Amino acid sequence: MRLRDKTAVITGGASGIGEATVRRFVTEGAKVLIADRNIAAAEKLAAELGADVSAIECDVRKESSAQSVAKKSLDLWGRVDILVNNAGSELNKTFNETTSDEWDMVLETDLKGPWMMCKHIVPSMMAQKSGSVINVSSLNGLVGFPLSTAYGSAKGGLVVFTRDIAIELATSGVRFNCVCPGVIETPMMERWTKLMPDQDAAKEMLRGVMPIGRMGYATEVAAAILFFASDDSSLCQGSVLSVDGGFTAQ
């Protein structure tokens, strides 16, 4: 029960890493607000998990959504202890085939979105002189990959954003840290493999990317997020944790 009596907002919490994080937080005693574009899935998960879990429709690209999430969380609990910026959008295209609209979609979801959520939720954390913000970046934010200029730029920017805001607010009582998952079995990864001519070969290739010889599980990333959300990481500020089966150790 490492999050007993804590309150948490998790964006993109209705599926994948976000859903795994919601479930883990609830088992650790937290009250959770699931913020997701797929409100039907968010409400279904909230109903399954019980009275301490709520849902709100949220498109992190829109400032009005960030404002609504901040208002609802404060209306529910009067405080927010944890913010997990997990909502993301992927794109696999060459740099010159990527359209302006596609570039904007990825950058606004994966980089601008976390900034806006921080803009509207972190001030209440600063007022209470405590809080933990966990940004979910990616292996793509640490090393280069082909077909990843938009996604990698956004996720790399999120790593630097985490470090910058951590230093800017170092004495505020609010902690900012970042998790960088490797190849994880999620609906996002399934969407990518379905684009490939040979899906089995694509999955085998992805397993080979990880030195441990398998893809990771969303629950394993959720465990890393839990560490940063809990008081166990009280001295971590601006930390970037790779959860990638050894890829960045090569």
Protein backbone atom coordinates (compact mmCIF):
# COMPACT_ATOMS: atom_id res chain seq x y z
CA MET A 1 0.00 0.00 0.00
CA ARG A 2 2.72 2.46 -1.00
CA LEU A 3 0.17 4.96 -2.32
CA ARG A 4 -2.33 4.81 0.55
CA ASP A 5 -4.41 8.00 0.66
CA LYS A 6 -2.65 9.36 -2.44
CA THR A 7 -4.55 10.77 -5.43
CA ALA A 8 -3.40 10.30 -9.01
CA VAL A 9 -4.24 11.53 -12.51
CA ILE A 10 -3.18 9.17 -15.30
CA THR A 11 -3.52 10.26 -18.92
CA GLY A 12 -4.05 7.55 -21.51
CA GLY A 13 -5.12 5.37 -18.60
CA ALA A 14 -7.67 3.23 -20.43
CA SER A 15 -5.25 0.90 -22.22
CA GLY A 16 -1.69 -0.38 -22.42
CA ILE A 17 0.85 1.01 -19.97
CA GLY A 18 -1.72 3.49 -18.69
CA GLU A 19 -4.23 0.78 -17.81
CA ALA A 20 -1.55 -1.32 -16.12
CA THR A 21 -0.55 1.73 -14.09
CA VAL A 22 -4.12 2.45 -13.06
CA ARG A 23 -4.54 -1.13 -11.86
CA ARG A 24 -1.24 -1.12 -9.97
CA PHE A 25 -1.94 2.23 -8.32
CA VAL A 26 -5.34 1.03 -7.11
CA THR A 27 -3.80 -2.09 -5.54
CA GLU A 28 -1.32 0.23 -3.80
CA GLY A 29 -4.13 2.28 -2.23
CA ALA A 30 -4.43 5.28 -4.56
CA LYS A 31 -7.52 7.10 -5.74
CA VAL A 32 -7.23 7.48 -9.51
CA LEU A 33 -8.71 9.70 -12.23
CA ILE A 34 -8.39 8.09 -15.66
CA ALA A 35 -8.06 10.76 -18.36
CA ASP A 36 -8.45 9.29 -21.83
CA ARG A 37 -9.84 10.13 -25.27
CA ASN A 38 -11.67 6.79 -25.20
CA ILE A 39 -14.14 7.72 -22.51
CA ALA A 40 -16.14 4.50 -22.93
CA ALA A 41 -13.07 2.38 -22.16
CA ALA A 42 -12.08 4.69 -19.30
CA GLU A 43 -15.54 4.50 -17.72
CA LYS A 44 -15.63 0.71 -18.12
CA LEU A 45 -12.28 0.36 -16.34
CA ALA A 46 -13.35 2.78 -13.60
CA ALA A 47 -16.57 0.84 -13.02
CA GLU A 48 -14.60 -2.41 -12.77
CA LEU A 49 -12.11 -1.04 -10.25
CA GLY A 50 -14.58 0.59 -7.88
CA ALA A 51 -15.51 3.80 -6.11
CA ASP A 52 -11.97 5.15 -5.80
CA VAL A 53 -11.55 5.32 -9.60
CA SER A 54 -13.16 7.97 -11.82
CA ALA A 55 -12.95 8.77 -15.53
CA ILE A 56 -12.93 11.87 -17.68
CA GLU A 57 -12.68 12.38 -21.43
CA CYS A 58 -9.40 14.05 -22.28
CA ASP A 59 -7.54 14.94 -25.45
CA VAL A 60 -4.18 16.13 -24.13
CA ARG A 61 -3.62 18.21 -27.27
CA LYS A 62 -6.35 20.60 -26.11
CA GLU A 63 -5.74 23.02 -23.27
CA SER A 64 -9.42 22.93 -22.40
CA SER A 65 -9.04 19.22 -21.64
CA ALA A 66 -6.09 19.84 -19.31
CA GLN A 67 -8.13 22.50 -17.53
CA SER A 68 -11.11 20.13 -17.19
CA VAL A 69 -8.94 17.36 -15.78
CA ALA A 70 -7.36 19.71 -13.26
CA LYS A 71 -10.77 21.00 -12.17
CA LYS A 72 -12.31 17.55 -11.84
CA SER A 73 -9.39 16.18 -9.85
CA LEU A 74 -9.54 19.08 -7.40
CA ASP A 75 -13.34 18.82 -7.20
CA LEU A 76 -13.00 15.10 -6.40
CA TRP A 77 -10.21 15.24 -3.83
CA GLY A 78 -9.10 18.81 -3.19
CA ARG A 79 -5.54 17.84 -4.12
CA VAL A 80 -3.47 15.88 -6.65
CA ASP A 81 -0.47 13.94 -5.39
CA ILE A 82 0.61 12.17 -8.59
CA LEU A 83 0.41 13.02 -12.29
CA VAL A 84 1.36 10.38 -14.85
CA ASN A 85 1.72 11.83 -18.35
CA ASN A 86 1.29 8.61 -20.30
CA ALA A 87 -0.98 9.48 -23.25
CA GLY A 88 0.90 9.12 -26.51
CA SER A 89 0.64 8.91 -30.26
CA GLU A 90 3.00 6.99 -32.51
CA LEU A 91 4.01 7.44 -36.16
CA ASN A 92 6.24 5.29 -38.37
CA LYS A 93 7.15 7.30 -41.48
CA THR A 94 10.20 8.67 -43.20
CA PHE A 95 10.92 12.31 -42.40
CA ASN A 96 10.00 13.50 -45.90
CA GLU A 97 6.76 11.50 -46.12
CA THR A 98 5.53 12.85 -42.77
CA THR A 99 2.90 15.54 -43.28
CA SER A 100 2.67 18.75 -41.28
CA ASP A 101 -0.57 17.54 -39.71
CA GLU A 102 1.02 14.23 -38.69
CA TRP A 103 4.04 16.01 -37.21
CA ASP A 104 1.78 18.35 -35.25
CA MET A 105 -0.39 15.47 -34.01
CA VAL A 106 2.58 13.57 -32.58
CA LEU A 107 4.37 16.58 -31.09
CA GLU A 108 1.16 17.98 -29.60
CA THR A 109 0.20 14.65 -28.04
CA ASP A 110 3.58 13.45 -26.82
CA LEU A 111 5.26 16.72 -25.83
CA LYS A 112 2.83 19.62 -25.71
CA GLY A 113 0.26 17.47 -23.88
CA PRO A 114 2.48 16.71 -20.87
CA TRP A 115 3.49 20.38 -20.67
CA MET A 116 -0.17 21.48 -20.61
CA MET A 117 -1.10 18.89 -17.99
CA CYS A 118 1.78 20.16 -15.84
CA LYS A 119 0.77 23.77 -16.46
CA HIS A 120 -2.69 23.19 -15.02
CA ILE A 121 -2.06 20.56 -12.33
CA VAL A 122 1.41 21.29 -10.95
CA PRO A 123 0.48 24.69 -9.43
CA SER A 124 -1.79 22.92 -6.95
CA MET A 125 1.09 20.57 -6.09
CA MET A 126 3.36 23.56 -5.55
CA ALA A 127 0.77 25.09 -3.23
CA GLN A 128 0.71 21.92 -1.11
CA LYS A 129 4.54 21.65 -1.40
CA SER A 130 4.40 18.02 -2.50
CA GLY A 131 3.71 15.92 -5.55
CA SER A 132 5.23 13.58 -8.10
CA VAL A 133 5.04 13.90 -11.87
CA ILE A 134 6.08 10.94 -14.02
CA ASN A 135 6.48 11.46 -17.75
CA VAL A 136 6.36 8.36 -19.93
CA SER A 137 8.85 8.83 -22.74
CA SER A 138 10.37 6.00 -24.81
CA LEU A 139 13.50 4.24 -25.89
CA ASN A 140 13.02 6.37 -29.03
CA GLY A 141 13.65 9.44 -26.89
CA LEU A 142 17.13 8.23 -26.00
CA VAL A 143 18.51 6.64 -29.19
CA GLY A 144 17.86 7.05 -32.90
CA PHE A 145 15.65 4.80 -35.00
CA PRO A 146 14.62 4.99 -38.65
CA LEU A 147 11.04 6.05 -39.42
CA SER A 148 10.91 7.82 -36.06
CA THR A 149 11.72 11.49 -36.62
CA ALA A 150 8.40 12.85 -35.30
CA TYR A 151 7.93 10.32 -32.51
CA GLY A 152 11.59 10.35 -31.48
CA SER A 153 11.70 14.15 -31.50
CA ALA A 154 8.65 14.33 -29.25
CA LYS A 155 9.86 11.67 -26.84
CA GLY A 156 13.39 13.11 -26.77
CA GLY A 157 11.88 16.49 -26.04
CA LEU A 158 9.90 14.97 -23.18
CA VAL A 159 13.12 13.70 -21.59
CA VAL A 160 14.64 17.18 -21.71
CA PHE A 161 11.39 18.79 -20.56
CA THR A 162 11.44 16.51 -17.51
CA ARG A 163 14.97 17.56 -16.63
CA ASP A 164 14.33 21.25 -17.20
CA ILE A 165 11.16 21.48 -15.12
CA ALA A 166 12.78 19.32 -12.42
CA ILE A 167 15.54 21.91 -12.04
CA GLU A 168 13.18 24.86 -12.38
CA LEU A 169 11.06 23.53 -9.50
CA ALA A 170 13.76 21.66 -7.60
CA THR A 171 12.94 23.30 -4.25
CA SER A 172 9.16 23.31 -4.69
CA GLY A 173 8.51 19.91 -3.11
CA VAL A 174 7.30 18.56 -6.45
CA ARG A 175 9.36 15.84 -8.11
CA PHE A 176 9.63 15.27 -11.88
CA ASN A 177 10.99 12.04 -13.30
CA CYS A 178 10.80 10.12 -16.54
CA VAL A 179 10.39 6.48 -17.56
CA CYS A 180 11.61 5.30 -20.97
CA PRO A 181 10.04 1.96 -21.93
CA GLY A 182 11.61 -0.25 -24.55
CA VAL A 183 9.61 -2.65 -26.73
CA ILE A 184 6.46 -3.37 -24.72
CA GLU A 185 3.49 -5.59 -25.60
CA THR A 186 0.73 -3.00 -25.84
CA PRO A 187 -2.09 -2.10 -28.25
CA MET A 188 0.26 0.53 -29.73
CA MET A 189 2.80 -2.18 -30.56
CA GLU A 190 0.05 -4.35 -32.04
CA ARG A 191 -1.00 -1.50 -34.32
CA TRP A 192 2.59 -1.19 -35.54
CA THR A 193 3.01 -4.90 -36.29
CA LYS A 194 -0.27 -4.96 -38.23
CA LEU A 195 1.25 -2.47 -40.67
CA MET A 196 4.02 -4.93 -41.53
CA PRO A 197 3.72 -7.42 -44.44
CA ASP A 198 4.78 -10.32 -42.17
CA GLN A 199 3.42 -9.76 -38.67
CA ASP A 200 5.12 -12.80 -37.13
CA ALA A 201 8.49 -11.71 -38.51
CA ALA A 202 7.87 -8.18 -37.22
CA LYS A 203 7.17 -9.48 -33.71
CA GLU A 204 10.25 -11.68 -33.82
CA MET A 205 12.31 -8.67 -34.85
CA LEU A 206 10.92 -6.67 -31.94
CA ARG A 207 11.77 -9.44 -29.49
CA GLY A 208 15.30 -9.42 -30.89
CA VAL A 209 15.65 -5.70 -30.17
CA MET A 210 15.61 -6.45 -26.44
CA PRO A 211 18.85 -8.08 -25.21
CA ILE A 212 16.82 -10.15 -22.73
CA GLY A 213 15.18 -11.87 -25.72
CA ARG A 214 11.56 -10.86 -25.18
CA MET A 215 9.27 -7.88 -25.27
CA GLY A 216 8.41 -6.24 -21.98
CA TYR A 217 5.04 -6.19 -20.28
CA ALA A 218 2.99 -3.13 -19.42
CA THR A 219 2.96 -4.26 -15.79
CA GLU A 220 6.75 -4.01 -15.69
CA VAL A 221 6.63 -0.39 -16.80
CA ALA A 222 3.85 0.29 -14.29
CA ALA A 223 6.16 -0.97 -11.54
CA ALA A 224 8.80 1.59 -12.56
CA ILE A 225 6.18 4.35 -12.61
CA LEU A 226 5.05 3.25 -9.14
CA PHE A 227 8.61 3.69 -7.86
CA PHE A 228 8.67 7.32 -8.94
CA ALA A 229 5.13 7.90 -7.66
CA SER A 230 5.97 6.56 -4.20
CA ASP A 231 8.09 8.02 -1.43
CA ASP A 232 10.71 5.37 -2.24
CA SER A 233 12.05 7.78 -4.88
CA SER A 234 12.19 10.80 -2.57
CA LEU A 235 15.71 11.77 -3.73
CA CYS A 236 14.97 11.37 -7.45
CA GLN A 237 14.56 14.66 -9.31
CA GLY A 238 14.99 14.81 -13.08
CA SER A 239 15.87 11.12 -13.26
CA VAL A 240 15.42 9.17 -16.50
CA LEU A 241 14.88 5.44 -16.03
CA SER A 242 15.21 3.04 -18.98
CA VAL A 243 12.88 0.05 -18.77
CA ASP A 244 14.18 -1.58 -21.93
CA GLY A 245 15.53 -5.05 -21.24
CA GLY A 246 19.11 -3.85 -21.57
CA PHE A 247 18.92 -2.07 -24.92
CA THR A 248 20.58 1.17 -23.82
CA ALA A 249 23.25 -0.81 -21.93
CA GLN A 250 24.69 -2.11 -25.20
